[in-house]
Amino acid sequence: MINAHVEMDLNQHVSVVSAKIIDLVEAGNEVILETLMRKFLKKYEFYTPDQFMEGLTFLFSIDCLNVQDYRVILKNV
């Protein structure tokens, strides 16, 4: 769900996680999915792989990125 709960820690919200993923991928560049996940989890130690995948799914659903052959390609955002 995209709406944040009143008592929710906003750092755990899917849109914040997605924004952090966007920061790691430069527009137009290809990144292998596993490499991106390792980089994300190393930089943000308090997130889980499930949160990373939810953020990636959110970005894919709003058409911000493509995933082809395990490569993540960020569109111009």
PDB file of N, CA and C in Angstrom:
ATOM      1  N   MET A   1       0.840  -1.174   0.000  1.00  0.00           N
ATOM      2  CA  MET A   1       0.000   0.000   0.000  1.00  0.00           C
ATOM      3  C   MET A   1       0.890   1.243   0.000  1.00  0.00           C
ATOM      4  N   ILE A   2       0.509   2.232  -0.777  1.00  0.00           N
ATOM      5  CA  ILE A   2       1.332   3.420  -0.924  1.00  0.00           C
ATOM      6  C   ILE A   2       1.099   4.423   0.203  1.00  0.00           C
ATOM      7  N   ASN A   3      -0.099   4.465   0.765  1.00  0.00           N
ATOM      8  CA  ASN A   3      -0.377   5.391   1.858  1.00  0.00           C
ATOM      9  C   ASN A   3       0.392   4.991   3.107  1.00  0.00           C
ATOM     10  N   ALA A   4       0.986   5.974   3.746  1.00  0.00           N
ATOM     11  CA  ALA A   4       1.739   5.711   4.976  1.00  0.00           C
ATOM     12  C   ALA A   4       0.808   5.766   6.179  1.00  0.00           C
ATOM     13  N   HIS A   5       1.042   4.870   7.105  1.00  0.00           N
ATOM     14  CA  HIS A   5       0.290   4.850   8.353  1.00  0.00           C
ATOM     15  C   HIS A   5       0.791   5.979   9.235  1.00  0.00           C
ATOM     16  N   VAL A   6      -0.054   6.515  10.080  1.00  0.00           N
ATOM     17  CA  VAL A   6       0.278   7.656  10.936  1.00  0.00           C
ATOM     18  C   VAL A   6       1.477   7.358  11.834  1.00  0.00           C
ATOM     19  N   GLU A   7       1.554   6.158  12.381  1.00  0.00           N
ATOM     20  CA  GLU A   7       2.619   5.809  13.311  1.00  0.00           C
ATOM     21  C   GLU A   7       3.792   5.099  12.634  1.00  0.00           C
ATOM     22  N   MET A   8       3.797   5.075  11.332  1.00  0.00           N
ATOM     23  CA  MET A   8       4.824   4.353  10.586  1.00  0.00           C
ATOM     24  C   MET A   8       6.134   5.143  10.525  1.00  0.00           C
ATOM     25  N   ASP A   9       7.254   4.428  10.604  1.00  0.00           N
ATOM     26  CA  ASP A   9       8.557   5.035  10.370  1.00  0.00           C
ATOM     27  C   ASP A   9       8.696   5.228   8.862  1.00  0.00           C
ATOM     28  N   LEU A  10       8.774   6.467   8.415  1.00  0.00           N
ATOM     29  CA  LEU A  10       8.784   6.738   6.980  1.00  0.00           C
ATOM     30  C   LEU A  10      10.003   6.170   6.266  1.00  0.00           C
ATOM     31  N   ASN A  11      11.075   5.886   6.993  1.00  0.00           N
ATOM     32  CA  ASN A  11      12.232   5.247   6.370  1.00  0.00           C
ATOM     33  C   ASN A  11      11.917   3.841   5.888  1.00  0.00           C
ATOM     34  N   GLN A  12      10.854   3.243   6.391  1.00  0.00           N
ATOM     35  CA  GLN A  12      10.456   1.897   5.993  1.00  0.00           C
ATOM     36  C   GLN A  12       9.431   1.906   4.862  1.00  0.00           C
ATOM     37  N   HIS A  13       8.992   3.073   4.444  1.00  0.00           N
ATOM     38  CA  HIS A  13       7.972   3.185   3.405  1.00  0.00           C
ATOM     39  C   HIS A  13       8.562   2.828   2.038  1.00  0.00           C
ATOM     40  N   VAL A  14       7.749   2.209   1.204  1.00  0.00           N
ATOM     41  CA  VAL A  14       8.227   1.717  -0.091  1.00  0.00           C
ATOM     42  C   VAL A  14       8.715   2.855  -0.997  1.00  0.00           C
ATOM     43  N   SER A  15       8.131   4.026  -0.898  1.00  0.00           N
ATOM     44  CA  SER A  15       8.577   5.136  -1.751  1.00  0.00           C
ATOM     45  C   SER A  15       9.950   5.645  -1.329  1.00  0.00           C
ATOM     46  N   VAL A  16      10.257   5.605  -0.042  1.00  0.00           N
ATOM     47  CA  VAL A  16      11.579   6.019   0.440  1.00  0.00           C
ATOM     48  C   VAL A  16      12.629   4.992   0.027  1.00  0.00           C
ATOM     49  N   VAL A  17      12.291   3.717   0.167  1.00  0.00           N
ATOM     50  CA  VAL A  17      13.211   2.654  -0.268  1.00  0.00           C
ATOM     51  C   VAL A  17      13.466   2.773  -1.770  1.00  0.00           C
ATOM     52  N   SER A  18      12.427   3.052  -2.540  1.00  0.00           N
ATOM     53  CA  SER A  18      12.566   3.209  -3.997  1.00  0.00           C
ATOM     54  C   SER A  18      13.449   4.396  -4.349  1.00  0.00           C
ATOM     55  N   ALA A  19      13.315   5.480  -3.611  1.00  0.00           N
ATOM     56  CA  ALA A  19      14.156   6.647  -3.852  1.00  0.00           C
ATOM     57  C   ALA A  19      15.624   6.326  -3.600  1.00  0.00           C
ATOM     58  N   LYS A  20      15.905   5.519  -2.596  1.00  0.00           N
ATOM     59  CA  LYS A  20      17.279   5.124  -2.305  1.00  0.00           C
ATOM     60  C   LYS A  20      17.824   4.214  -3.406  1.00  0.00           C
ATOM     61  N   ILE A  21      16.973   3.388  -3.995  1.00  0.00           N
ATOM     62  CA  ILE A  21      17.390   2.552  -5.129  1.00  0.00           C
ATOM     63  C   ILE A  21      17.718   3.432  -6.327  1.00  0.00           C
ATOM     64  N   ILE A  22      16.893   4.435  -6.579  1.00  0.00           N
ATOM     65  CA  ILE A  22      17.144   5.356  -7.691  1.00  0.00           C
ATOM     66  C   ILE A  22      18.485   6.063  -7.520  1.00  0.00           C
ATOM     67  N   ASP A  23      18.827   6.412  -6.286  1.00  0.00           N
ATOM     68  CA  ASP A  23      20.110   7.065  -6.024  1.00  0.00           C
ATOM     69  C   ASP A  23      21.291   6.190  -6.415  1.00  0.00           C
ATOM     70  N   LEU A  24      21.130   4.882  -6.317  1.00  0.00           N
ATOM     71  CA  LEU A  24      22.236   3.967  -6.620  1.00  0.00           C
ATOM     72  C   LEU A  24      22.376   3.669  -8.114  1.00  0.00           C
ATOM     73  N   VAL A  25      21.310   3.864  -8.871  1.00  0.00           N
ATOM     74  CA  VAL A  25      21.346   3.573 -10.303  1.00  0.00           C
ATOM     75  C   VAL A  25      21.326   4.885 -11.065  1.00  0.00           C
ATOM     76  N   GLU A  26      22.288   5.081 -11.931  1.00  0.00           N
ATOM     77  CA  GLU A  26      22.299   6.289 -12.745  1.00  0.00           C
ATOM     78  C   GLU A  26      21.401   6.082 -13.953  1.00  0.00           C
ATOM     79  N   ALA A  27      20.722   7.126 -14.378  1.00  0.00           N
ATOM     80  CA  ALA A  27      19.772   7.030 -15.484  1.00  0.00           C
ATOM     81  C   ALA A  27      20.462   6.557 -16.762  1.00  0.00           C
ATOM     82  N   GLY A  28      19.845   5.588 -17.429  1.00  0.00           N
ATOM     83  CA  GLY A  28      20.368   5.082 -18.690  1.00  0.00           C
ATOM     84  C   GLY A  28      21.395   3.982 -18.557  1.00  0.00           C
ATOM     85  N   ASN A  29      21.981   3.800 -17.393  1.00  0.00           N
ATOM     86  CA  ASN A  29      22.992   2.763 -17.195  1.00  0.00           C
ATOM     87  C   ASN A  29      22.335   1.438 -16.836  1.00  0.00           C
ATOM     88  N   GLU A  30      23.032   0.359 -17.176  1.00  0.00           N
ATOM     89  CA  GLU A  30      22.580  -0.978 -16.809  1.00  0.00           C
ATOM     90  C   GLU A  30      23.327  -1.434 -15.570  1.00  0.00           C
ATOM     91  N   VAL A  31      22.615  -2.078 -14.651  1.00  0.00           N
ATOM     92  CA  VAL A  31      23.217  -2.644 -13.449  1.00  0.00           C
ATOM     93  C   VAL A  31      22.639  -4.040 -13.287  1.00  0.00           C
ATOM     94  N   ILE A  32      23.489  -4.994 -12.995  1.00  0.00           N
ATOM     95  CA  ILE A  32      23.003  -6.338 -12.739  1.00  0.00           C
ATOM     96  C   ILE A  32      22.244  -6.333 -11.424  1.00  0.00           C
ATOM     97  N   LEU A  33      21.114  -7.011 -11.401  1.00  0.00           N
ATOM     98  CA  LEU A  33      20.203  -6.979 -10.259  1.00  0.00           C
ATOM     99  C   LEU A  33      20.885  -7.394  -8.961  1.00  0.00           C
ATOM    100  N   GLU A  34      21.644  -8.465  -8.982  1.00  0.00           N
ATOM    101  CA  GLU A  34      22.303  -8.933  -7.763  1.00  0.00           C
ATOM    102  C   GLU A  34      23.341  -7.935  -7.259  1.00  0.00           C
ATOM    103  N   THR A  35      24.067  -7.319  -8.180  1.00  0.00           N
ATOM    104  CA  THR A  35      25.056  -6.305  -7.805  1.00  0.00           C
ATOM    105  C   THR A  35      24.372  -5.101  -7.164  1.00  0.00           C
ATOM    106  N   LEU A  36      23.256  -4.692  -7.732  1.00  0.00           N
ATOM    107  CA  LEU A  36      22.500  -3.563  -7.179  1.00  0.00           C
ATOM    108  C   LEU A  36      21.984  -3.895  -5.780  1.00  0.00           C
ATOM    109  N   MET A  37      21.495  -5.112  -5.597  1.00  0.00           N
ATOM    110  CA  MET A  37      20.983  -5.500  -4.287  1.00  0.00           C
ATOM    111  C   MET A  37      22.096  -5.541  -3.247  1.00  0.00           C
ATOM    112  N   ARG A  38      23.244  -6.071  -3.621  1.00  0.00           N
ATOM    113  CA  ARG A  38      24.379  -6.099  -2.681  1.00  0.00           C
ATOM    114  C   ARG A  38      24.822  -4.695  -2.308  1.00  0.00           C
ATOM    115  N   LYS A  39      24.883  -3.816  -3.297  1.00  0.00           N
ATOM    116  CA  LYS A  39      25.287  -2.426  -3.046  1.00  0.00           C
ATOM    117  C   LYS A  39      24.276  -1.727  -2.133  1.00  0.00           C
ATOM    118  N   PHE A  40      22.999  -1.962  -2.384  1.00  0.00           N
ATOM    119  CA  PHE A  40      21.936  -1.365  -1.575  1.00  0.00           C
ATOM    120  C   PHE A  40      21.999  -1.854  -0.134  1.00  0.00           C
ATOM    121  N   LEU A  41      22.111  -3.170   0.046  1.00  0.00           N
ATOM    122  CA  LEU A  41      22.127  -3.731   1.400  1.00  0.00           C
ATOM    123  C   LEU A  41      23.393  -3.379   2.166  1.00  0.00           C
ATOM    124  N   LYS A  42      24.486  -3.158   1.451  1.00  0.00           N
ATOM    125  CA  LYS A  42      25.728  -2.758   2.115  1.00  0.00           C
ATOM    126  C   LYS A  42      25.639  -1.302   2.575  1.00  0.00           C
ATOM    127  N   LYS A  43      25.063  -0.451   1.724  1.00  0.00           N
ATOM    128  CA  LYS A  43      24.969   0.966   2.061  1.00  0.00           C
ATOM    129  C   LYS A  43      23.905   1.224   3.132  1.00  0.00           C
ATOM    130  N   TYR A  44      22.794   0.523   3.041  1.00  0.00           N
ATOM    131  CA  TYR A  44      21.688   0.711   3.976  1.00  0.00           C
ATOM    132  C   TYR A  44      21.492  -0.599   4.743  1.00  0.00           C
ATOM    133  N   GLU A  45      22.229  -0.793   5.801  1.00  0.00           N
ATOM    134  CA  GLU A  45      22.264  -2.057   6.536  1.00  0.00           C
ATOM    135  C   GLU A  45      20.960  -2.389   7.248  1.00  0.00           C
ATOM    136  N   PHE A  46      20.119  -1.396   7.509  1.00  0.00           N
ATOM    137  CA  PHE A  46      18.893  -1.648   8.257  1.00  0.00           C
ATOM    138  C   PHE A  46      17.734  -2.086   7.365  1.00  0.00           C
ATOM    139  N   TYR A  47      17.940  -2.182   6.053  1.00  0.00           N
ATOM    140  CA  TYR A  47      16.910  -2.686   5.150  1.00  0.00           C
ATOM    141  C   TYR A  47      17.135  -4.169   4.878  1.00  0.00           C
ATOM    142  N   THR A  48      16.065  -4.848   4.476  1.00  0.00           N
ATOM    143  CA  THR A  48      16.123  -6.276   4.196  1.00  0.00           C
ATOM    144  C   THR A  48      16.032  -6.504   2.684  1.00  0.00           C
ATOM    145  N   PRO A  49      16.401  -7.692   2.217  1.00  0.00           N
ATOM    146  CA  PRO A  49      16.234  -7.996   0.793  1.00  0.00           C
ATOM    147  C   PRO A  49      14.767  -7.902   0.343  1.00  0.00           C
ATOM    148  N   ASP A  50      13.841  -8.232   1.228  1.00  0.00           N
ATOM    149  CA  ASP A  50      12.420  -8.110   0.877  1.00  0.00           C
ATOM    150  C   ASP A  50      12.030  -6.661   0.614  1.00  0.00           C
ATOM    151  N   GLN A  51      12.529  -5.747   1.424  1.00  0.00           N
ATOM    152  CA  GLN A  51      12.232  -4.334   1.205  1.00  0.00           C
ATOM    153  C   GLN A  51      12.848  -3.842  -0.103  1.00  0.00           C
ATOM    154  N   PHE A  52      14.033  -4.340  -0.431  1.00  0.00           N
ATOM    155  CA  PHE A  52      14.666  -3.982  -1.701  1.00  0.00           C
ATOM    156  C   PHE A  52      13.790  -4.441  -2.864  1.00  0.00           C
ATOM    157  N   MET A  53      13.317  -5.682  -2.816  1.00  0.00           N
ATOM    158  CA  MET A  53      12.494  -6.209  -3.903  1.00  0.00           C
ATOM    159  C   MET A  53      11.151  -5.484  -3.989  1.00  0.00           C
ATOM    160  N   GLU A  54      10.575  -5.105  -2.852  1.00  0.00           N
ATOM    161  CA  GLU A  54       9.335  -4.327  -2.873  1.00  0.00           C
ATOM    162  C   GLU A  54       9.559  -2.964  -3.514  1.00  0.00           C
ATOM    163  N   GLY A  55      10.688  -2.329  -3.202  1.00  0.00           N
ATOM    164  CA  GLY A  55      11.017  -1.048  -3.815  1.00  0.00           C
ATOM    165  C   GLY A  55      11.243  -1.181  -5.310  1.00  0.00           C
ATOM    166  N   LEU A  56      11.918  -2.249  -5.708  1.00  0.00           N
ATOM    167  CA  LEU A  56      12.155  -2.507  -7.127  1.00  0.00           C
ATOM    168  C   LEU A  56      10.835  -2.763  -7.851  1.00  0.00           C
ATOM    169  N   THR A  57       9.954  -3.523  -7.233  1.00  0.00           N
ATOM    170  CA  THR A  57       8.648  -3.807  -7.817  1.00  0.00           C
ATOM    171  C   THR A  57       7.821  -2.530  -7.943  1.00  0.00           C
ATOM    172  N   PHE A  58       7.901  -1.673  -6.938  1.00  0.00           N
ATOM    173  CA  PHE A  58       7.192  -0.392  -6.990  1.00  0.00           C
ATOM    174  C   PHE A  58       7.689   0.447  -8.158  1.00  0.00           C
ATOM    175  N   LEU A  59       9.011   0.539  -8.330  1.00  0.00           N
ATOM    176  CA  LEU A  59       9.569   1.316  -9.439  1.00  0.00           C
ATOM    177  C   LEU A  59       9.174   0.725 -10.787  1.00  0.00           C
ATOM    178  N   PHE A  60       9.147  -0.592 -10.875  1.00  0.00           N
ATOM    179  CA  PHE A  60       8.740  -1.254 -12.106  1.00  0.00           C
ATOM    180  C   PHE A  60       7.268  -0.981 -12.400  1.00  0.00           C
ATOM    181  N   SER A  61       6.440  -0.985 -11.368  1.00  0.00           N
ATOM    182  CA  SER A  61       5.002  -0.795 -11.561  1.00  0.00           C
ATOM    183  C   SER A  61       4.646   0.622 -11.993  1.00  0.00           C
ATOM    184  N   ILE A  62       5.456   1.592 -11.613  1.00  0.00           N
ATOM    185  CA  ILE A  62       5.183   2.968 -12.057  1.00  0.00           C
ATOM    186  C   ILE A  62       6.025   3.340 -13.276  1.00  0.00           C
ATOM    187  N   ASP A  63       6.622   2.319 -13.905  1.00  0.00           N
ATOM    188  CA  ASP A  63       7.336   2.455 -15.180  1.00  0.00           C
ATOM    189  C   ASP A  63       8.567   3.357 -15.085  1.00  0.00           C
ATOM    190  N   CYS A  64       9.315   3.237 -13.987  1.00  0.00           N
ATOM    191  CA  CYS A  64      10.560   3.991 -13.831  1.00  0.00           C
ATOM    192  C   CYS A  64      11.782   3.182 -14.252  1.00  0.00           C
ATOM    193  N   LEU A  65      11.636   1.869 -14.318  1.00  0.00           N
ATOM    194  CA  LEU A  65      12.776   1.050 -14.709  1.00  0.00           C
ATOM    195  C   LEU A  65      12.326  -0.199 -15.443  1.00  0.00           C
ATOM    196  N   ASN A  66      13.266  -0.779 -16.155  1.00  0.00           N
ATOM    197  CA  ASN A  66      13.056  -2.048 -16.848  1.00  0.00           C
ATOM    198  C   ASN A  66      13.988  -3.080 -16.248  1.00  0.00           C
ATOM    199  N   VAL A  67      13.544  -4.323 -16.224  1.00  0.00           N
ATOM    200  CA  VAL A  67      14.388  -5.433 -15.804  1.00  0.00           C
ATOM    201  C   VAL A  67      14.397  -6.421 -16.960  1.00  0.00           C
ATOM    202  N   GLN A  68      15.586  -6.592 -17.576  1.00  0.00           N
ATOM    203  CA  GLN A  68      15.736  -7.511 -18.699  1.00  0.00           C
ATOM    204  C   GLN A  68      16.989  -8.329 -18.487  1.00  0.00           C
ATOM    205  N   ASP A  69      16.844  -9.647 -18.527  1.00  0.00           N
ATOM    206  CA  ASP A  69      17.987 -10.554 -18.377  1.00  0.00           C
ATOM    207  C   ASP A  69      18.792 -10.232 -17.121  1.00  0.00           C
ATOM    208  N   TYR A  70      18.099 -10.017 -16.021  1.00  0.00           N
ATOM    209  CA  TYR A  70      18.705  -9.718 -14.714  1.00  0.00           C
ATOM    210  C   TYR A  70      19.470  -8.397 -14.701  1.00  0.00           C
ATOM    211  N   ARG A  71      19.204  -7.537 -15.658  1.00  0.00           N
ATOM    212  CA  ARG A  71      19.818  -6.208 -15.684  1.00  0.00           C
ATOM    213  C   ARG A  71      18.737  -5.168 -15.411  1.00  0.00           C
ATOM    214  N   VAL A  72      19.055  -4.245 -14.559  1.00  0.00           N
ATOM    215  CA  VAL A  72      18.126  -3.159 -14.207  1.00  0.00           C
ATOM    216  C   VAL A  72      18.531  -1.934 -15.002  1.00  0.00           C
ATOM    217  N   ILE A  73      17.577  -1.372 -15.730  1.00  0.00           N
ATOM    218  CA  ILE A  73      17.837  -0.172 -16.528  1.00  0.00           C
ATOM    219  C   ILE A  73      16.864   0.897 -16.060  1.00  0.00           C
ATOM    220  N   LEU A  74      17.394   1.985 -15.527  1.00  0.00           N
ATOM    221  CA  LEU A  74      16.569   3.088 -15.017  1.00  0.00           C
ATOM    222  C   LEU A  74      16.231   4.012 -16.162  1.00  0.00           C
ATOM    223  N   LYS A  75      14.961   4.334 -16.300  1.00  0.00           N
ATOM    224  CA  LYS A  75      14.534   5.307 -17.300  1.00  0.00           C
ATOM    225  C   LYS A  75      14.801   6.700 -16.773  1.00  0.00           C
ATOM    226  N   ASN A  76      14.693   7.686 -17.626  1.00  0.00           N
ATOM    227  CA  ASN A  76      14.872   9.066 -17.167  1.00  0.00           C
ATOM    228  C   ASN A  76      13.756   9.417 -16.209  1.00  0.00           C
ATOM    229  N   VAL A  77      14.144   9.748 -14.980  1.00  0.00           N
ATOM    230  CA  VAL A  77      13.163  10.052 -13.943  1.00  0.00           C
ATOM    231  C   VAL A  77      13.150  11.530 -13.685  1.00  0.00           C
TER     232      VAL A  77
END
